[in-house]
């Protein structure tokens, strides 16, 4: 069965020859240079033959186009440290300007994605482009504490900035229209009861998330969202317009069994990036993957992590995850 058919049938809840599997990882440093970024992503895909090639975005995404300055200091999840944030007061949200998707960091990202799509064309591998949600981008620009403060004290000013971030993200994805990308992976930081209440997320997060997913290029058929945090808001996730979600199903309050009754779409997960992939063993990874596959009954389930895997993951562990979906014997 070809990769696209396997994924489409999984999303539709139809039987497949095996569960799809896809892992992705950050490439800090390489993600600052177009050719190096595309080569790193392509080599990771060709080494393990995932069912989808996910282009995980740099931590800052395109924050430099708004004045964000950051530095990677060795975090194994690819996170950077902000050296200078452009939002220092609430009025700064109203002064953000719409970047040109063909220039700056957006332009570099787009060029990298196009190189990856070209490389994946012959083997028929779907390419999924990762983008942080507008509210997640806003955290990079302002910092979490200041963002929450502005959300509750200067909501109209924050909305003005979020509208710019939303429009810029839509324009960036639209610039990839000719590339025929297959999917978009939305990284959502705030659909979490430990951070916001439902009303706050519905007011400040959901409009941008749903607008991004509603204005995707026509070639996009795989619409994924990662709900970061321990208490994901499944109720509002259904309004985003995605057909697959992932979250911390191993360490959060909602496990795979509970999610089956709360979410009708596909789920990707079953493996923890720290416990299984970095610190586990190949046999433990295979056991965890097969346990999750059995629990989900072989329908609407993709083996993976709700978050990018860590850079320090041993190659044998990535390989074990890939082989865990193959038939025994």
Protein backbone atom coordinates (compact mmCIF):
# COMPACT_ATOMS: atom_id res chain seq x y z
CA UNK A 1 0.00 0.00 0.00
CA UNK A 2 1.38 3.43 -0.93
CA UNK A 3 1.99 5.99 1.82
CA UNK A 4 -0.76 8.39 0.75
CA UNK A 5 -3.38 5.65 0.51
CA UNK A 6 -2.35 4.30 3.91
CA UNK A 7 -2.70 7.73 5.52
CA UNK A 8 -5.96 8.60 3.77
CA UNK A 9 -7.53 5.30 4.76
CA UNK A 10 -6.35 5.80 8.34
CA UNK A 11 -7.95 9.24 8.50
CA UNK A 12 -11.19 7.79 7.11
CA UNK A 13 -11.18 4.98 9.68
CA UNK A 14 -10.76 2.29 7.02
CA UNK A 15 -8.54 -0.81 7.32
CA UNK A 16 -4.92 -0.59 6.15
CA UNK A 17 -2.05 -3.01 5.64
CA UNK A 18 -0.37 -1.55 8.74
CA UNK A 19 -0.43 1.53 10.95
CA UNK A 20 1.31 4.59 9.48
CA UNK A 21 4.33 5.85 11.41
CA UNK A 22 6.05 9.23 11.30
CA UNK A 23 8.56 10.90 13.57
CA UNK A 24 10.26 14.24 13.08
CA UNK A 25 13.01 16.19 14.75
CA UNK A 26 14.41 19.74 14.87
CA UNK A 27 17.57 20.80 13.04
CA UNK A 28 18.82 23.91 14.88
CA UNK A 29 21.67 25.58 13.07
CA UNK A 30 20.95 23.78 9.81
CA UNK A 31 17.50 25.40 9.77
CA UNK A 32 19.16 28.80 9.27
CA UNK A 33 20.46 27.81 5.81
CA UNK A 34 18.11 26.75 3.02
CA UNK A 35 20.10 23.95 1.40
CA UNK A 36 21.39 22.52 4.71
CA UNK A 37 17.88 22.50 6.19
CA UNK A 38 16.37 20.71 3.20
CA UNK A 39 19.23 18.20 3.11
CA UNK A 40 18.94 17.42 6.84
CA UNK A 41 15.18 16.86 6.58
CA UNK A 42 15.58 14.72 3.47
CA UNK A 43 18.33 12.56 4.93
CA UNK A 44 16.27 11.89 8.06
CA UNK A 45 13.33 10.83 5.88
CA UNK A 46 15.37 8.60 3.58
CA UNK A 47 17.14 6.95 6.53
CA UNK A 48 13.91 5.68 8.12
CA UNK A 49 11.25 5.82 5.39
CA UNK A 50 8.51 7.46 7.47
CA UNK A 51 4.99 7.50 6.02
CA UNK A 52 5.12 11.31 5.93
CA UNK A 53 8.09 13.67 5.78
CA UNK A 54 7.43 16.37 8.36
CA UNK A 55 9.33 19.64 8.01
CA UNK A 56 9.53 20.77 11.64
CA UNK A 57 9.92 24.58 11.70
CA UNK A 58 12.72 26.47 13.48
CA UNK A 59 11.87 27.51 17.04
CA UNK A 60 11.47 31.13 16.01
CA UNK A 61 9.53 30.16 12.86
CA UNK A 62 9.68 33.54 11.08
CA UNK A 63 10.03 35.67 14.21
CA UNK A 64 13.06 37.42 12.76
CA UNK A 65 10.79 39.06 10.20
CA UNK A 66 9.18 40.90 13.14
CA UNK A 67 12.44 41.69 14.95
CA UNK A 68 12.86 38.61 17.17
CA UNK A 69 16.47 37.66 17.89
CA UNK A 70 17.16 34.23 19.37
CA UNK A 71 20.00 31.79 19.92
CA UNK A 72 20.12 28.02 20.14
CA UNK A 73 22.12 27.04 23.22
CA UNK A 74 22.02 23.27 22.95
CA UNK A 75 18.45 22.33 23.95
CA UNK A 76 17.82 18.85 22.56
CA UNK A 77 14.24 19.73 21.57
CA UNK A 78 15.52 22.57 19.37
CA UNK A 79 14.17 25.38 21.55
CA UNK A 80 16.10 28.65 21.42
CA UNK A 81 16.60 31.43 23.94
CA UNK A 82 15.15 34.81 22.98
CA UNK A 83 17.89 37.47 23.05
CA UNK A 84 15.61 40.30 22.00
CA UNK A 85 11.83 40.24 21.81
CA UNK A 86 10.05 42.87 19.67
CA UNK A 87 7.01 43.12 21.99
CA UNK A 88 7.89 45.08 25.11
CA UNK A 89 4.58 46.87 25.71
CA UNK A 90 1.03 46.21 24.65
CA UNK A 91 1.09 49.00 22.06
CA UNK A 92 3.81 47.11 20.16
CA UNK A 93 1.20 44.59 18.99
CA UNK A 94 -0.43 47.32 16.91
CA UNK A 95 2.89 48.17 15.23
CA UNK A 96 3.58 44.73 13.73
CA UNK A 97 3.69 44.81 9.95
CA UNK A 98 2.83 42.05 7.49
CA UNK A 99 6.05 40.46 6.14
CA UNK A 100 6.62 39.50 2.52
CA UNK A 101 6.38 35.66 2.32
CA UNK A 102 8.98 35.65 -0.46
CA UNK A 103 11.67 37.43 1.58
CA UNK A 104 13.46 37.14 4.93
CA UNK A 105 12.86 34.11 7.14
CA UNK A 106 9.56 33.30 5.44
CA UNK A 107 11.32 33.25 2.09
CA UNK A 108 14.08 30.97 3.41
CA UNK A 109 11.54 28.58 4.94
CA UNK A 110 9.54 28.44 1.74
CA UNK A 111 12.64 27.72 -0.34
CA UNK A 112 13.59 24.86 2.03
CA UNK A 113 10.12 23.32 1.81
CA UNK A 114 10.18 23.45 -1.99
CA UNK A 115 13.52 21.62 -2.04
CA UNK A 116 12.13 18.93 0.27
CA UNK A 117 8.98 18.49 -1.84
CA UNK A 118 11.12 18.07 -4.97
CA UNK A 119 13.25 15.43 -3.24
CA UNK A 120 10.18 13.50 -2.03
CA UNK A 121 8.34 13.56 -5.37
CA UNK A 122 9.85 10.42 -6.88
CA UNK A 123 9.43 8.12 -3.82
CA UNK A 124 5.87 9.40 -3.40
CA UNK A 125 6.29 10.58 0.19
CA UNK A 126 3.74 13.14 1.45
CA UNK A 127 5.38 16.32 2.79
CA UNK A 128 3.83 17.92 5.88
CA UNK A 129 4.82 21.48 6.76
CA UNK A 130 4.95 22.40 10.45
CA UNK A 131 3.78 25.84 11.56
CA UNK A 132 3.29 27.26 15.08
CA UNK A 133 -0.20 28.61 15.72
CA UNK A 134 -0.50 32.43 15.71
CA UNK A 135 -0.77 32.45 19.51
CA UNK A 136 2.32 30.22 19.77
CA UNK A 137 4.18 32.66 17.53
CA UNK A 138 3.04 35.49 19.80
CA UNK A 139 4.71 33.79 22.77
CA UNK A 140 8.05 33.94 20.96
CA UNK A 141 7.60 37.64 20.29
CA UNK A 142 6.51 38.67 23.80
CA UNK A 143 7.26 35.90 26.28
CA UNK A 144 4.60 33.82 28.04
CA UNK A 145 4.04 36.03 31.09
CA UNK A 146 3.70 39.23 29.09
CA UNK A 147 1.44 37.57 26.52
CA UNK A 148 -0.98 36.37 29.21
CA UNK A 149 -0.93 39.80 30.84
CA UNK A 150 -1.75 41.57 27.56
CA UNK A 151 -4.42 38.96 26.81
CA UNK A 152 -6.22 39.90 30.02
CA UNK A 153 -5.52 43.63 30.20
CA UNK A 154 -5.19 44.84 26.57
CA UNK A 155 -7.16 42.29 24.53
CA UNK A 156 -7.87 44.54 21.53
CA UNK A 157 -4.21 45.41 21.04
CA UNK A 158 -3.27 41.74 21.24
CA UNK A 159 -5.98 40.84 18.72
CA UNK A 160 -4.48 43.34 16.28
CA UNK A 161 -1.11 41.60 16.51
CA UNK A 162 -2.66 38.12 16.27
CA UNK A 163 -4.47 39.15 13.09
CA UNK A 164 -1.12 40.09 11.54
CA UNK A 165 0.47 36.80 12.60
CA UNK A 166 -2.52 34.87 11.24
CA UNK A 167 -2.50 36.67 7.90
CA UNK A 168 1.26 36.21 7.57
CA UNK A 169 0.98 32.46 8.24
CA UNK A 170 -1.81 32.08 5.69
CA UNK A 171 0.22 33.99 3.10
CA UNK A 172 3.29 31.86 3.79
CA UNK A 173 1.35 28.62 3.26
CA UNK A 174 -0.31 30.09 0.18
CA UNK A 175 3.16 30.80 -1.24
CA UNK A 176 3.70 27.02 -1.19
CA UNK A 177 0.63 26.39 -3.33
CA UNK A 178 2.64 25.50 -6.44
CA UNK A 179 4.72 23.01 -4.45
CA UNK A 180 1.74 20.71 -3.83
CA UNK A 181 2.48 20.08 -0.16
CA UNK A 182 0.35 17.27 1.26
CA UNK A 183 -0.16 18.38 4.83
CA UNK A 184 0.14 21.00 7.53
CA UNK A 185 1.09 20.30 11.14
CA UNK A 186 -0.20 23.06 13.46
CA UNK A 187 1.67 23.40 16.76
CA UNK A 188 -0.81 24.69 19.34
CA UNK A 189 0.59 25.83 22.70
CA UNK A 190 -2.46 27.23 24.46
CA UNK A 191 -5.36 24.80 24.00
CA UNK A 192 -4.48 23.57 27.49
CA UNK A 193 -6.52 24.02 30.67
CA UNK A 194 -3.31 24.54 32.64
CA UNK A 195 -2.64 27.72 30.64
CA UNK A 196 -5.98 29.22 29.53
CA UNK A 197 -9.65 28.61 30.13
CA UNK A 198 -11.87 27.56 27.21
CA UNK A 199 -13.29 31.07 26.79
CA UNK A 200 -9.81 32.62 26.56
CA UNK A 201 -8.59 30.12 24.03
CA UNK A 202 -11.82 30.42 22.02
CA UNK A 203 -11.31 34.19 21.91
CA UNK A 204 -7.58 34.48 21.27
CA UNK A 205 -6.39 31.11 19.95
CA UNK A 206 -9.15 29.41 18.01
CA UNK A 207 -9.85 32.22 15.50
CA UNK A 208 -6.25 32.19 14.26
CA UNK A 209 -5.92 28.40 14.30
CA UNK A 210 -9.16 27.84 12.39
CA UNK A 211 -8.33 30.63 9.91
CA UNK A 212 -4.96 29.02 9.11
CA UNK A 213 -6.53 25.61 8.60
CA UNK A 214 -9.45 26.99 6.58
CA UNK A 215 -7.20 28.75 4.06
CA UNK A 216 -4.76 26.00 3.16
CA UNK A 217 -3.63 25.25 -0.39
CA UNK A 218 -6.01 22.85 -2.16
CA UNK A 219 -3.29 20.20 -2.29
CA UNK A 220 -3.40 19.78 1.51
CA UNK A 221 -5.36 16.71 2.65
CA UNK A 222 -3.53 15.85 5.89
CA UNK A 223 -4.40 18.42 8.55
CA UNK A 224 -2.66 17.73 11.85
CA UNK A 225 -2.51 19.57 15.16
CA UNK A 226 -0.29 19.01 18.19
CA UNK A 227 -1.91 20.16 21.44
CA UNK A 228 0.95 20.98 23.77
CA UNK A 229 0.40 20.57 27.49
CA UNK A 230 -0.94 18.06 29.99
CA UNK A 231 -4.66 19.02 29.82
CA UNK A 232 -5.61 19.40 26.12
CA UNK A 233 -8.92 20.99 25.15
CA UNK A 234 -10.46 18.31 22.97
CA UNK A 235 -13.73 20.23 22.79
CA UNK A 236 -12.19 23.16 20.95
CA UNK A 237 -9.83 20.98 18.91
CA UNK A 238 -12.87 19.75 17.03
CA UNK A 239 -13.44 23.32 15.80
CA UNK A 240 -9.96 23.81 14.33
CA UNK A 241 -10.70 22.00 11.10
CA UNK A 242 -8.03 19.29 11.53
CA UNK A 243 -8.39 15.57 10.84
CA UNK A 244 -5.60 14.27 13.12
CA UNK A 245 -4.37 15.35 16.55
CA UNK A 246 -1.56 14.45 18.90
CA UNK A 247 -0.75 15.39 22.49
CA UNK A 248 1.14 14.00 25.49
CA UNK A 249 -0.92 10.81 25.59
CA UNK A 250 1.64 9.05 27.78
CA UNK A 251 2.10 11.67 30.50
CA UNK A 252 -0.95 13.92 30.30
CA UNK A 253 -4.38 13.64 31.88
CA UNK A 254 -5.98 12.12 28.76
CA UNK A 255 -4.65 8.80 27.48
CA UNK A 256 -5.45 7.07 24.20
CA UNK A 257 -8.34 5.10 25.68
CA UNK A 258 -10.04 8.25 26.98
CA UNK A 259 -9.40 10.12 23.74
CA UNK A 260 -11.29 7.55 21.67
CA UNK A 261 -14.54 8.72 23.24
CA UNK A 262 -13.74 12.45 22.84
CA UNK A 263 -12.29 12.68 19.34
CA UNK A 264 -13.73 11.27 16.09
CA UNK A 265 -10.70 11.94 13.90
CA UNK A 266 -7.34 10.24 13.62
CA UNK A 267 -4.78 10.24 16.44
CA UNK A 268 -1.00 10.18 16.24
CA UNK A 269 0.95 9.14 19.31
CA UNK A 270 1.77 6.15 21.48
CA UNK A 271 5.43 7.06 22.01
CA UNK A 272 7.00 9.53 24.41
CA UNK A 273 10.00 11.48 23.08
CA UNK A 274 11.89 11.27 26.40
CA UNK A 275 10.74 8.08 28.10
CA UNK A 276 10.65 5.84 25.03
CA UNK A 277 12.65 7.37 22.19
CA UNK A 278 15.58 8.93 24.02
CA UNK A 279 15.82 7.04 27.29
CA UNK A 280 14.19 3.74 26.44
CA UNK A 281 15.33 0.63 24.59
CA UNK A 282 14.50 -0.71 21.12
CA UNK A 283 12.45 -3.52 22.61
CA UNK A 284 10.62 -1.09 24.91
CA UNK A 285 9.81 1.14 21.95
CA UNK A 286 8.42 -1.78 19.97
CA UNK A 287 6.32 -2.89 22.94
CA UNK A 288 4.92 0.61 23.56
CA UNK A 289 4.08 1.07 19.89
CA UNK A 290 2.33 -2.27 19.54
CA UNK A 291 0.47 -1.75 22.80
CA UNK A 292 -0.90 1.53 21.43
CA UNK A 293 -1.79 -0.05 18.09
CA UNK A 294 -3.71 -2.84 19.82
CA UNK A 295 -5.48 -0.38 22.08
CA UNK A 296 -6.66 1.67 19.11
CA UNK A 297 -7.85 -1.42 17.27
CA UNK A 298 -5.92 -0.66 14.10
CA UNK A 299 -8.18 2.23 13.07
CA UNK A 300 -7.63 6.00 12.93
CA UNK A 301 -4.18 5.70 14.51
CA UNK A 302 -0.70 6.77 13.43
CA UNK A 303 2.32 5.77 15.49
CA UNK A 304 4.43 8.73 16.52
CA UNK A 305 4.91 11.39 19.17
CA UNK A 306 2.76 14.39 19.94
CA UNK A 307 5.95 16.46 19.76
CA UNK A 308 9.17 16.39 17.75
CA UNK A 309 11.63 13.72 18.89
CA UNK A 310 14.80 14.85 20.63
CA UNK A 311 18.09 15.38 18.82
CA UNK A 312 19.84 12.96 21.21
CA UNK A 313 17.59 10.04 20.25
CA UNK A 314 19.78 7.04 19.28
CA UNK A 315 19.46 5.90 15.68
CA UNK A 316 18.51 2.42 16.82
CA UNK A 317 15.52 3.89 18.65
CA UNK A 318 14.21 5.71 15.59
CA UNK A 319 14.72 2.47 13.66
CA UNK A 320 12.83 0.49 16.30
CA UNK A 321 9.88 2.88 16.05
CA UNK A 322 9.81 2.48 12.28
CA UNK A 323 9.96 -1.32 12.43
CA UNK A 324 7.32 -1.51 15.19
CA UNK A 325 4.51 -1.19 12.64
CA UNK A 326 5.72 -4.04 10.44
CA UNK A 327 4.16 -7.48 10.72
CA UNK A 328 6.02 -9.85 13.03
CA UNK A 329 8.01 -12.46 11.15
